[in-house]
Amino acid sequence: MARLEFFYDYGSPYSYLANGRLPELAARTGAQLIYRPMLLGGVFKATGNRSPAAETIEAKRRYGAVELSRWVAHLGVPFRMNPHFPIDTLRLMRAAHAAHAQGVFAAFHAAVYPAFWALGENLGDEAVVARVLGEAGLDAGAILAAASADAAKTALRATTDEAVARGAFGAPTFFVGDEMFFGNDRLDFVERALRAAR
């Protein structure tokens, strides 16, 4: 079975757009979808890259907002530019690893993405994260406590370092075997690679 690795950060709007398309893509191609939470800020620091929100060319920054709105309309997904953006996602990405270790990642992931990019919640605030997780029926206290423990910190650091070592410089980044694809707009190529790998 081909493996589709999805390296992402909840603070990346294009990762959110890609995320909604991946389960169906994996089903179509018979691939195993593997979620790899990484810290995008760590990737930027390691590679010298920067967030599109920090773009210094005004025309490019304006165009980036137009392009994002076009993708949202094209995909027809619920979307609201988060009013708290950019958000420090360090604790949130550690929590993703903690949720995985506790066997509740699917429910965690399904709660966090819409809270971030459809509802505009401030997920840099631990109290807000706790509320969002609690409303999803998760044990927020257990997840957030584990997110502060060494195991989650180490897991996030390892995934982030691995992404950089394999060539990632932003999010979303996908791997099919050793072949890397960057960006929500590369999923056609990802699908072609998955079909070739079957």
N, C-alpha and C. Protein backbone atom coordinates (compact mmCIF):
# COMPACT_ATOMS: atom_id res chain seq x y z
N MET A 1 0.85 -1.20 0.00
CA MET A 1 0.00 0.00 0.00
C MET A 1 0.88 1.25 0.00
N ALA A 2 0.59 2.18 -0.90
CA ALA A 2 1.33 3.44 -0.94
C ALA A 2 1.00 4.26 0.30
N ARG A 3 1.98 5.04 0.74
CA ARG A 3 1.82 5.90 1.92
C ARG A 3 1.82 7.36 1.49
N LEU A 4 0.85 8.11 1.99
CA LEU A 4 0.80 9.55 1.76
C LEU A 4 1.02 10.23 3.10
N GLU A 5 2.17 10.85 3.24
CA GLU A 5 2.50 11.57 4.48
C GLU A 5 2.15 13.04 4.31
N PHE A 6 1.44 13.57 5.28
CA PHE A 6 0.95 14.94 5.26
C PHE A 6 1.60 15.69 6.42
N PHE A 7 2.60 16.50 6.10
CA PHE A 7 3.25 17.34 7.10
C PHE A 7 2.54 18.69 7.10
N TYR A 8 2.06 19.10 8.27
CA TYR A 8 1.20 20.29 8.34
C TYR A 8 1.32 20.97 9.68
N ASP A 9 0.80 22.19 9.73
CA ASP A 9 0.64 22.95 10.96
C ASP A 9 -0.77 23.53 10.90
N TYR A 10 -1.48 23.50 12.01
CA TYR A 10 -2.85 24.01 12.02
C TYR A 10 -2.92 25.49 11.66
N GLY A 11 -1.81 26.21 11.81
CA GLY A 11 -1.80 27.62 11.49
C GLY A 11 -1.65 27.93 10.01
N SER A 12 -1.56 26.91 9.18
CA SER A 12 -1.41 27.09 7.74
C SER A 12 -2.77 26.97 7.04
N PRO A 13 -3.29 28.08 6.46
CA PRO A 13 -4.60 27.98 5.80
C PRO A 13 -4.61 27.02 4.62
N TYR A 14 -3.51 26.95 3.89
CA TYR A 14 -3.48 26.03 2.76
C TYR A 14 -3.41 24.57 3.21
N SER A 15 -2.84 24.34 4.38
CA SER A 15 -2.89 22.98 4.94
C SER A 15 -4.33 22.61 5.28
N TYR A 16 -5.09 23.59 5.79
CA TYR A 16 -6.51 23.36 6.07
C TYR A 16 -7.25 23.00 4.78
N LEU A 17 -7.00 23.74 3.72
CA LEU A 17 -7.68 23.46 2.45
C LEU A 17 -7.31 22.08 1.92
N ALA A 18 -6.04 21.73 2.03
CA ALA A 18 -5.60 20.42 1.56
C ALA A 18 -6.19 19.31 2.43
N ASN A 19 -6.23 19.54 3.73
CA ASN A 19 -6.69 18.52 4.67
C ASN A 19 -8.05 17.96 4.30
N GLY A 20 -8.96 18.82 3.89
CA GLY A 20 -10.31 18.37 3.57
C GLY A 20 -10.38 17.49 2.34
N ARG A 21 -9.36 17.55 1.50
CA ARG A 21 -9.36 16.78 0.26
C ARG A 21 -8.63 15.44 0.38
N LEU A 22 -7.84 15.29 1.44
CA LEU A 22 -6.95 14.14 1.52
C LEU A 22 -7.65 12.80 1.77
N PRO A 23 -8.66 12.71 2.64
CA PRO A 23 -9.27 11.39 2.85
C PRO A 23 -9.85 10.80 1.57
N GLU A 24 -10.50 11.63 0.76
CA GLU A 24 -11.06 11.14 -0.49
C GLU A 24 -9.96 10.75 -1.47
N LEU A 25 -8.89 11.54 -1.51
CA LEU A 25 -7.77 11.23 -2.38
C LEU A 25 -7.16 9.88 -1.98
N ALA A 26 -6.98 9.68 -0.69
CA ALA A 26 -6.41 8.42 -0.21
C ALA A 26 -7.33 7.25 -0.54
N ALA A 27 -8.63 7.45 -0.40
CA ALA A 27 -9.58 6.39 -0.72
C ALA A 27 -9.54 6.04 -2.21
N ARG A 28 -9.44 7.06 -3.06
CA ARG A 28 -9.41 6.84 -4.51
C ARG A 28 -8.19 6.06 -4.94
N THR A 29 -7.09 6.30 -4.25
CA THR A 29 -5.82 5.70 -4.67
C THR A 29 -5.43 4.48 -3.84
N GLY A 30 -6.24 4.17 -2.82
CA GLY A 30 -5.90 3.05 -1.96
C GLY A 30 -4.69 3.31 -1.09
N ALA A 31 -4.40 4.57 -0.82
CA ALA A 31 -3.20 4.93 -0.05
C ALA A 31 -3.49 5.01 1.44
N GLN A 32 -2.45 4.83 2.22
CA GLN A 32 -2.53 5.03 3.66
C GLN A 32 -2.17 6.48 3.95
N LEU A 33 -3.10 7.23 4.55
CA LEU A 33 -2.88 8.64 4.87
C LEU A 33 -2.28 8.74 6.26
N ILE A 34 -1.13 9.38 6.34
CA ILE A 34 -0.40 9.49 7.60
C ILE A 34 -0.24 10.97 7.94
N TYR A 35 -0.80 11.38 9.07
CA TYR A 35 -0.74 12.77 9.50
C TYR A 35 0.56 13.00 10.28
N ARG A 36 1.31 14.05 9.89
CA ARG A 36 2.60 14.34 10.51
C ARG A 36 2.62 15.78 11.02
N PRO A 37 2.09 16.02 12.22
CA PRO A 37 2.07 17.38 12.76
C PRO A 37 3.49 17.90 12.99
N MET A 38 3.79 19.06 12.42
CA MET A 38 5.11 19.69 12.60
C MET A 38 4.90 21.14 13.02
N LEU A 39 5.97 21.78 13.45
CA LEU A 39 5.89 23.18 13.85
C LEU A 39 6.40 24.03 12.69
N LEU A 40 5.49 24.74 12.04
CA LEU A 40 5.86 25.51 10.86
C LEU A 40 6.87 26.60 11.20
N GLY A 41 6.72 27.21 12.36
CA GLY A 41 7.69 28.22 12.76
C GLY A 41 9.10 27.64 12.86
N GLY A 42 9.19 26.40 13.34
CA GLY A 42 10.49 25.73 13.41
C GLY A 42 11.06 25.45 12.03
N VAL A 43 10.19 25.08 11.10
CA VAL A 43 10.62 24.84 9.73
C VAL A 43 11.12 26.14 9.11
N PHE A 44 10.38 27.23 9.31
CA PHE A 44 10.81 28.53 8.78
C PHE A 44 12.18 28.92 9.35
N LYS A 45 12.34 28.74 10.64
CA LYS A 45 13.60 29.12 11.29
C LYS A 45 14.76 28.30 10.74
N ALA A 46 14.53 27.01 10.55
CA ALA A 46 15.61 26.12 10.10
C ALA A 46 15.98 26.36 8.64
N THR A 47 15.03 26.80 7.84
CA THR A 47 15.28 26.92 6.40
C THR A 47 15.48 28.35 5.93
N GLY A 48 15.22 29.32 6.80
CA GLY A 48 15.32 30.71 6.38
C GLY A 48 14.10 31.19 5.62
N ASN A 49 13.06 30.39 5.58
CA ASN A 49 11.82 30.77 4.92
C ASN A 49 11.00 31.64 5.87
N ARG A 50 9.88 32.16 5.39
CA ARG A 50 9.01 32.97 6.25
C ARG A 50 7.57 32.78 5.84
N SER A 51 6.67 33.14 6.73
CA SER A 51 5.25 33.04 6.47
C SER A 51 4.85 34.00 5.36
N PRO A 52 3.89 33.60 4.50
CA PRO A 52 3.36 34.54 3.51
C PRO A 52 2.78 35.80 4.17
N ALA A 53 2.34 35.68 5.42
CA ALA A 53 1.82 36.85 6.14
C ALA A 53 2.92 37.88 6.40
N ALA A 54 4.17 37.42 6.37
CA ALA A 54 5.30 38.32 6.62
C ALA A 54 5.93 38.81 5.31
N GLU A 55 5.25 38.55 4.19
CA GLU A 55 5.76 38.97 2.88
C GLU A 55 5.96 40.49 2.86
N THR A 56 7.13 40.92 2.38
CA THR A 56 7.45 42.35 2.39
C THR A 56 7.02 43.05 1.10
N ILE A 57 6.76 42.29 0.04
CA ILE A 57 6.31 42.89 -1.21
C ILE A 57 4.80 43.05 -1.14
N GLU A 58 4.34 44.29 -1.06
CA GLU A 58 2.92 44.55 -0.81
C GLU A 58 2.02 43.94 -1.88
N ALA A 59 2.40 44.07 -3.15
CA ALA A 59 1.57 43.54 -4.23
C ALA A 59 1.45 42.02 -4.12
N LYS A 60 2.55 41.36 -3.75
CA LYS A 60 2.53 39.90 -3.59
C LYS A 60 1.65 39.49 -2.42
N ARG A 61 1.72 40.26 -1.33
CA ARG A 61 0.90 39.97 -0.16
C ARG A 61 -0.58 40.14 -0.48
N ARG A 62 -0.92 41.20 -1.22
CA ARG A 62 -2.31 41.41 -1.62
C ARG A 62 -2.78 40.29 -2.53
N TYR A 63 -1.93 39.90 -3.46
CA TYR A 63 -2.31 38.83 -4.38
C TYR A 63 -2.49 37.51 -3.62
N GLY A 64 -1.67 37.29 -2.61
CA GLY A 64 -1.81 36.07 -1.82
C GLY A 64 -3.18 35.96 -1.18
N ALA A 65 -3.71 37.09 -0.72
CA ALA A 65 -5.06 37.08 -0.13
C ALA A 65 -6.12 36.78 -1.18
N VAL A 66 -5.93 37.32 -2.39
CA VAL A 66 -6.87 37.04 -3.48
C VAL A 66 -6.82 35.57 -3.86
N GLU A 67 -5.62 35.03 -3.96
CA GLU A 67 -5.46 33.62 -4.34
C GLU A 67 -6.10 32.70 -3.31
N LEU A 68 -5.93 33.02 -2.03
CA LEU A 68 -6.55 32.21 -0.98
C LEU A 68 -8.07 32.24 -1.11
N SER A 69 -8.63 33.40 -1.36
CA SER A 69 -10.09 33.50 -1.49
C SER A 69 -10.57 32.72 -2.72
N ARG A 70 -9.78 32.69 -3.77
CA ARG A 70 -10.14 31.92 -4.96
C ARG A 70 -10.19 30.42 -4.65
N TRP A 71 -9.20 29.95 -3.89
CA TRP A 71 -9.18 28.53 -3.54
C TRP A 71 -10.36 28.17 -2.65
N VAL A 72 -10.67 29.04 -1.70
CA VAL A 72 -11.81 28.79 -0.81
C VAL A 72 -13.09 28.66 -1.64
N ALA A 73 -13.28 29.59 -2.59
CA ALA A 73 -14.47 29.55 -3.44
C ALA A 73 -14.47 28.32 -4.33
N HIS A 74 -13.31 27.98 -4.86
CA HIS A 74 -13.19 26.83 -5.75
C HIS A 74 -13.55 25.53 -5.03
N LEU A 75 -13.09 25.40 -3.80
CA LEU A 75 -13.32 24.16 -3.04
C LEU A 75 -14.66 24.18 -2.30
N GLY A 76 -15.23 25.36 -2.11
CA GLY A 76 -16.51 25.46 -1.44
C GLY A 76 -16.48 25.02 0.00
N VAL A 77 -15.40 25.35 0.70
CA VAL A 77 -15.26 24.92 2.10
C VAL A 77 -15.59 26.07 3.04
N PRO A 78 -16.08 25.75 4.25
CA PRO A 78 -16.28 26.82 5.24
C PRO A 78 -14.93 27.45 5.58
N PHE A 79 -14.84 28.74 5.54
CA PHE A 79 -13.56 29.40 5.80
C PHE A 79 -13.80 30.81 6.32
N ARG A 80 -13.03 31.18 7.32
CA ARG A 80 -13.00 32.54 7.84
C ARG A 80 -11.55 32.85 8.18
N MET A 81 -11.02 33.91 7.59
CA MET A 81 -9.65 34.27 7.93
C MET A 81 -9.59 34.55 9.42
N ASN A 82 -8.77 33.80 10.12
CA ASN A 82 -8.74 33.88 11.58
C ASN A 82 -8.31 35.28 12.03
N PRO A 83 -9.14 35.96 12.81
CA PRO A 83 -8.81 37.33 13.23
C PRO A 83 -7.62 37.40 14.18
N HIS A 84 -7.22 36.24 14.74
CA HIS A 84 -6.09 36.20 15.66
C HIS A 84 -4.79 35.81 14.97
N PHE A 85 -4.85 35.59 13.67
CA PHE A 85 -3.69 35.14 12.88
C PHE A 85 -2.65 36.26 12.79
N PRO A 86 -1.35 35.94 12.89
CA PRO A 86 -0.79 34.61 13.10
C PRO A 86 -0.83 34.21 14.58
N ILE A 87 -1.01 32.93 14.80
CA ILE A 87 -1.13 32.36 16.13
C ILE A 87 0.08 31.47 16.40
N ASP A 88 0.63 31.57 17.61
CA ASP A 88 1.71 30.67 18.01
C ASP A 88 1.10 29.29 18.22
N THR A 89 1.45 28.33 17.37
CA THR A 89 0.82 27.01 17.42
C THR A 89 1.67 25.96 18.15
N LEU A 90 2.70 26.38 18.86
CA LEU A 90 3.58 25.42 19.51
C LEU A 90 2.81 24.44 20.40
N ARG A 91 2.00 24.97 21.33
CA ARG A 91 1.27 24.08 22.25
C ARG A 91 0.23 23.25 21.51
N LEU A 92 -0.37 23.84 20.49
CA LEU A 92 -1.39 23.13 19.72
C LEU A 92 -0.79 21.95 18.96
N MET A 93 0.38 22.14 18.37
CA MET A 93 1.00 21.05 17.62
C MET A 93 1.54 19.97 18.57
N ARG A 94 1.99 20.37 19.75
CA ARG A 94 2.35 19.36 20.76
C ARG A 94 1.11 18.59 21.18
N ALA A 95 -0.02 19.29 21.29
CA ALA A 95 -1.26 18.62 21.67
C ALA A 95 -1.68 17.61 20.62
N ALA A 96 -1.40 17.89 19.35
CA ALA A 96 -1.72 16.92 18.30
C ALA A 96 -0.96 15.62 18.51
N HIS A 97 0.31 15.74 18.88
CA HIS A 97 1.09 14.53 19.17
C HIS A 97 0.57 13.83 20.41
N ALA A 98 0.17 14.61 21.42
CA ALA A 98 -0.39 14.01 22.63
C ALA A 98 -1.69 13.28 22.31
N ALA A 99 -2.53 13.88 21.49
CA ALA A 99 -3.79 13.24 21.11
C ALA A 99 -3.53 11.94 20.36
N HIS A 100 -2.52 11.95 19.52
CA HIS A 100 -2.16 10.72 18.80
C HIS A 100 -1.74 9.63 19.78
N ALA A 101 -0.91 10.01 20.74
CA ALA A 101 -0.43 9.03 21.72
C ALA A 101 -1.58 8.48 22.57
N GLN A 102 -2.62 9.27 22.76
CA GLN A 102 -3.77 8.85 23.57
C GLN A 102 -4.85 8.16 22.73
N GLY A 103 -4.61 8.03 21.43
CA GLY A 103 -5.56 7.33 20.57
C GLY A 103 -6.80 8.12 20.22
N VAL A 104 -6.73 9.45 20.33
CA VAL A 104 -7.90 10.28 20.03
C VAL A 104 -7.58 11.33 18.96
N PHE A 105 -6.56 11.05 18.15
CA PHE A 105 -6.13 12.04 17.18
C PHE A 105 -7.23 12.39 16.18
N ALA A 106 -7.97 11.42 15.69
CA ALA A 106 -8.99 11.69 14.67
C ALA A 106 -10.01 12.72 15.17
N ALA A 107 -10.48 12.54 16.40
CA ALA A 107 -11.46 13.48 16.96
C ALA A 107 -10.81 14.84 17.24
N PHE A 108 -9.57 14.82 17.70
CA PHE A 108 -8.84 16.06 17.95
C PHE A 108 -8.70 16.86 16.66
N HIS A 109 -8.23 16.19 15.63
CA HIS A 109 -7.98 16.82 14.32
C HIS A 109 -9.28 17.37 13.74
N ALA A 110 -10.34 16.60 13.86
CA ALA A 110 -11.64 17.02 13.32
C ALA A 110 -12.20 18.23 14.06
N ALA A 111 -11.80 18.42 15.31
CA ALA A 111 -12.27 19.57 16.08
C ALA A 111 -11.43 20.81 15.84
N VAL A 112 -10.12 20.63 15.73
CA VAL A 112 -9.21 21.77 15.69
C VAL A 112 -9.26 22.53 14.38
N TYR A 113 -9.24 21.83 13.26
CA TYR A 113 -9.17 22.55 11.98
C TYR A 113 -10.36 23.49 11.75
N PRO A 114 -11.60 23.05 11.92
CA PRO A 114 -12.71 24.00 11.73
C PRO A 114 -12.72 25.11 12.77
N ALA A 115 -12.28 24.80 13.99
CA ALA A 115 -12.23 25.85 15.00
C ALA A 115 -11.27 26.96 14.58
N PHE A 116 -10.17 26.56 13.96
CA PHE A 116 -9.14 27.51 13.54
C PHE A 116 -9.59 28.29 12.31
N TRP A 117 -10.05 27.57 11.27
CA TRP A 117 -10.22 28.21 9.97
C TRP A 117 -11.67 28.37 9.50
N ALA A 118 -12.62 27.86 10.23
CA ALA A 118 -14.03 28.12 9.90
C ALA A 118 -14.68 29.02 10.94
N LEU A 119 -14.26 28.85 12.21
CA LEU A 119 -14.88 29.61 13.30
C LEU A 119 -14.01 30.76 13.80
N GLY A 120 -12.73 30.77 13.44
CA GLY A 120 -11.86 31.87 13.83
C GLY A 120 -11.51 31.91 15.30
N GLU A 121 -11.43 30.74 15.94
CA GLU A 121 -11.10 30.69 17.37
C GLU A 121 -9.62 31.02 17.60
N ASN A 122 -9.34 31.60 18.75
CA ASN A 122 -7.96 31.91 19.12
C ASN A 122 -7.32 30.68 19.76
N LEU A 123 -6.78 29.80 18.94
CA LEU A 123 -6.22 28.55 19.45
C LEU A 123 -4.80 28.70 19.96
N GLY A 124 -4.36 29.94 20.10
CA GLY A 124 -3.14 30.21 20.84
C GLY A 124 -3.42 30.36 22.33
N ASP A 125 -4.67 30.41 22.68
CA ASP A 125 -5.12 30.53 24.07
C ASP A 125 -5.52 29.15 24.57
N GLU A 126 -4.81 28.65 25.58
CA GLU A 126 -5.05 27.29 26.05
C GLU A 126 -6.47 27.10 26.56
N ALA A 127 -7.06 28.13 27.14
CA ALA A 127 -8.44 28.02 27.63
C ALA A 127 -9.41 27.81 26.46
N VAL A 128 -9.14 28.46 25.35
CA VAL A 128 -9.99 28.29 24.17
C VAL A 128 -9.81 26.89 23.61
N VAL A 129 -8.57 26.42 23.56
CA VAL A 129 -8.31 25.06 23.08
C VAL A 129 -9.05 24.06 23.96
N ALA A 130 -8.99 24.26 25.27
CA ALA A 130 -9.66 23.35 26.19
C ALA A 130 -11.17 23.33 25.93
N ARG A 131 -11.74 24.50 25.69
CA ARG A 131 -13.18 24.56 25.40
C ARG A 131 -13.51 23.83 24.10
N VAL A 132 -12.73 24.06 23.06
CA VAL A 132 -12.97 23.43 21.76
C VAL A 132 -12.88 21.90 21.89
N LEU A 133 -11.88 21.44 22.61
CA LEU A 133 -11.72 19.99 22.77
C LEU A 133 -12.84 19.41 23.62
N GLY A 134 -13.21 20.11 24.67
CA GLY A 134 -14.30 19.65 25.52
C GLY A 134 -15.61 19.56 24.76
N GLU A 135 -15.88 20.54 23.90
CA GLU A 135 -17.11 20.53 23.10
C GLU A 135 -17.11 19.37 22.11
N ALA A 136 -15.92 18.86 21.77
CA ALA A 136 -15.81 17.71 20.87
C ALA A 136 -15.88 16.39 21.63
N GLY A 137 -16.10 16.46 22.94
CA GLY A 137 -16.20 15.25 23.75
C GLY A 137 -14.86 14.66 24.16
N LEU A 138 -13.80 15.45 24.04
CA LEU A 138 -12.46 14.97 24.40
C LEU A 138 -12.10 15.40 25.82
N ASP A 139 -11.17 14.67 26.41
CA ASP A 139 -10.66 15.02 27.73
C ASP A 139 -9.57 16.06 27.55
N ALA A 140 -9.98 17.31 27.52
CA ALA A 140 -9.05 18.40 27.24
C ALA A 140 -7.93 18.45 28.27
N GLY A 141 -8.26 18.23 29.53
CA GLY A 141 -7.24 18.28 30.57
C GLY A 141 -6.14 17.27 30.35
N ALA A 142 -6.52 16.06 29.99
CA ALA A 142 -5.53 15.00 29.77
C ALA A 142 -4.66 15.31 28.55
N ILE A 143 -5.28 15.80 27.49
CA ILE A 143 -4.52 16.10 26.27
C ILE A 143 -3.55 17.25 26.52
N LEU A 144 -4.03 18.32 27.15
CA LEU A 144 -3.19 19.49 27.35
C LEU A 144 -2.08 19.22 28.37
N ALA A 145 -2.37 18.37 29.35
CA ALA A 145 -1.32 17.99 30.30
C ALA A 145 -0.24 17.20 29.58
N ALA A 146 -0.65 16.27 28.72
CA ALA A 146 0.32 15.47 27.97
C ALA A 146 1.09 16.33 26.98
N ALA A 147 0.45 17.38 26.47
CA ALA A 147 1.12 18.26 25.52
C ALA A 147 2.28 19.02 26.16
N SER A 148 2.24 19.17 27.48
CA SER A 148 3.31 19.87 28.20
C SER A 148 4.41 18.93 28.66
N ALA A 149 4.21 17.64 28.46
CA ALA A 149 5.19 16.65 28.90
C ALA A 149 6.28 16.47 27.85
N ASP A 150 7.38 15.88 28.29
CA ASP A 150 8.54 15.73 27.42
C ASP A 150 8.26 14.90 26.18
N ALA A 151 7.40 13.89 26.29
CA ALA A 151 7.16 13.00 25.15
C ALA A 151 6.58 13.77 23.97
N ALA A 152 5.61 14.64 24.23
CA ALA A 152 5.00 15.42 23.15
C ALA A 152 5.97 16.44 22.59
N LYS A 153 6.75 17.06 23.46
CA LYS A 153 7.75 18.02 23.00
C LYS A 153 8.77 17.34 22.09
N THR A 154 9.22 16.18 22.51
CA THR A 154 10.21 15.44 21.72
C THR A 154 9.62 14.98 20.39
N ALA A 155 8.38 14.52 20.42
CA ALA A 155 7.74 14.04 19.20
C ALA A 155 7.59 15.17 18.18
N LEU A 156 7.17 16.35 18.63
CA LEU A 156 7.01 17.48 17.71
C LEU A 156 8.35 17.92 17.16
N ARG A 157 9.35 17.97 18.00
CA ARG A 157 10.68 18.37 17.54
C ARG A 157 11.20 17.37 16.51
N ALA A 158 10.97 16.09 16.75
CA ALA A 158 11.45 15.05 15.83
C ALA A 158 10.75 15.15 14.47
N THR A 159 9.44 15.37 14.48
CA THR A 159 8.70 15.47 13.22
C THR A 159 9.14 16.70 12.44
N THR A 160 9.33 17.80 13.15
CA THR A 160 9.76 19.04 12.51
C THR A 160 11.16 18.88 11.92
N ASP A 161 12.07 18.30 12.69
CA ASP A 161 13.44 18.07 12.20
C ASP A 161 13.44 17.13 11.00
N GLU A 162 12.60 16.10 11.06
CA GLU A 162 12.51 15.16 9.95
C GLU A 162 12.01 15.85 8.68
N ALA A 163 10.99 16.69 8.83
CA ALA A 163 10.46 17.40 7.67
C ALA A 163 11.54 18.24 7.00
N VAL A 164 12.31 18.96 7.81
CA VAL A 164 13.38 19.80 7.27
C VAL A 164 14.45 18.94 6.62
N ALA A 165 14.83 17.85 7.27
CA ALA A 165 15.87 16.96 6.73
C ALA A 165 15.46 16.37 5.39
N ARG A 166 14.16 16.19 5.20
CA ARG A 166 13.67 15.60 3.95
C ARG A 166 13.38 16.65 2.88
N GLY A 167 13.60 17.92 3.20
CA GLY A 167 13.50 18.96 2.20
C GLY A 167 12.35 19.93 2.36
N ALA A 168 11.54 19.77 3.39
CA ALA A 168 10.38 20.67 3.57
C ALA A 168 10.85 22.07 3.94
N PHE A 169 10.11 23.06 3.46
CA PHE A 169 10.39 24.45 3.78
C PHE A 169 9.11 25.22 4.12
N GLY A 170 7.97 24.54 4.06
CA GLY A 170 6.69 25.16 4.37
C GLY A 170 5.61 24.11 4.49
N ALA A 171 4.37 24.58 4.53
CA ALA A 171 3.23 23.67 4.70
C ALA A 171 2.09 24.11 3.79
N PRO A 172 1.34 23.15 3.26
CA PRO A 172 1.47 21.71 3.48
C PRO A 172 2.57 21.09 2.62
N THR A 173 3.21 20.08 3.17
CA THR A 173 4.20 19.29 2.44
C THR A 173 3.76 17.84 2.47
N PHE A 174 3.84 17.20 1.33
CA PHE A 174 3.42 15.81 1.18
C PHE A 174 4.60 14.97 0.70
N PHE A 175 4.62 13.73 1.16
CA PHE A 175 5.61 12.78 0.64
C PHE A 175 4.89 11.53 0.19
N VAL A 176 5.27 11.07 -1.00
CA VAL A 176 4.90 9.74 -1.49
C VAL A 176 6.23 9.03 -1.66
N GLY A 177 6.54 8.15 -0.72
CA GLY A 177 7.89 7.59 -0.68
C GLY A 177 8.87 8.71 -0.40
N ASP A 178 9.89 8.84 -1.23
CA ASP A 178 10.89 9.89 -1.05
C ASP A 178 10.57 11.14 -1.88
N GLU A 179 9.48 11.10 -2.65
CA GLU A 179 9.15 12.22 -3.51
C GLU A 179 8.32 13.25 -2.74
N MET A 180 8.80 14.50 -2.76
CA MET A 180 8.14 15.57 -2.00
C MET A 180 7.30 16.44 -2.92
N PHE A 181 6.17 16.88 -2.37
CA PHE A 181 5.28 17.81 -3.06
C PHE A 181 4.91 18.91 -2.07
N PHE A 182 4.99 20.17 -2.52
CA PHE A 182 4.66 21.28 -1.64
C PHE A 182 3.43 22.01 -2.16
N GLY A 183 2.45 22.22 -1.28
CA GLY A 183 1.34 23.08 -1.60
C GLY A 183 0.04 22.36 -1.90
N ASN A 184 -1.03 23.01 -1.51
CA ASN A 184 -2.38 22.52 -1.76
C ASN A 184 -2.64 22.32 -3.25
N ASP A 185 -1.97 23.10 -4.09
CA ASP A 185 -2.20 23.04 -5.53
C ASP A 185 -1.39 21.94 -6.21
N ARG A 186 -0.72 21.09 -5.43
CA ARG A 186 0.07 19.99 -6.02
C ARG A 186 -0.59 18.63 -5.84
N LEU A 187 -1.84 18.62 -5.40
CA LEU A 187 -2.47 17.34 -5.10
C LEU A 187 -2.74 16.49 -6.34
N ASP A 188 -2.87 17.10 -7.50
CA ASP A 188 -2.98 16.29 -8.72
C ASP A 188 -1.72 15.48 -8.94
N PHE A 189 -0.56 16.10 -8.68
CA PHE A 189 0.70 15.39 -8.83
C PHE A 189 0.86 14.32 -7.74
N VAL A 190 0.38 14.64 -6.54
CA VAL A 190 0.40 13.65 -5.46
C VAL A 190 -0.42 12.43 -5.86
N GLU A 191 -1.59 12.66 -6.41
CA GLU A 191 -2.44 11.54 -6.81
C GLU A 191 -1.78 10.70 -7.90
N ARG A 192 -1.14 11.36 -8.83
CA ARG A 192 -0.46 10.63 -9.90
C ARG A 192 0.65 9.76 -9.31
N ALA A 193 1.40 10.30 -8.34
CA ALA A 193 2.47 9.53 -7.73
C ALA A 193 1.92 8.35 -6.94
N LEU A 194 0.80 8.55 -6.25
CA LEU A 194 0.20 7.46 -5.48
C LEU A 194 -0.28 6.34 -6.40
N ARG A 195 -0.85 6.71 -7.53
CA ARG A 195 -1.32 5.67 -8.48
C ARG A 195 -0.13 4.91 -9.06
N ALA A 196 0.95 5.60 -9.31
CA ALA A 196 2.15 4.94 -9.85
C ALA A 196 2.79 4.02 -8.83
N ALA A 197 2.60 4.35 -7.53
CA ALA A 197 3.24 3.57 -6.47
C ALA A 197 2.45 2.33 -6.09
N ARG A 198 1.24 2.19 -6.61
CA ARG A 198 0.40 1.04 -6.22
C ARG A 198 0.95 -0.26 -6.79
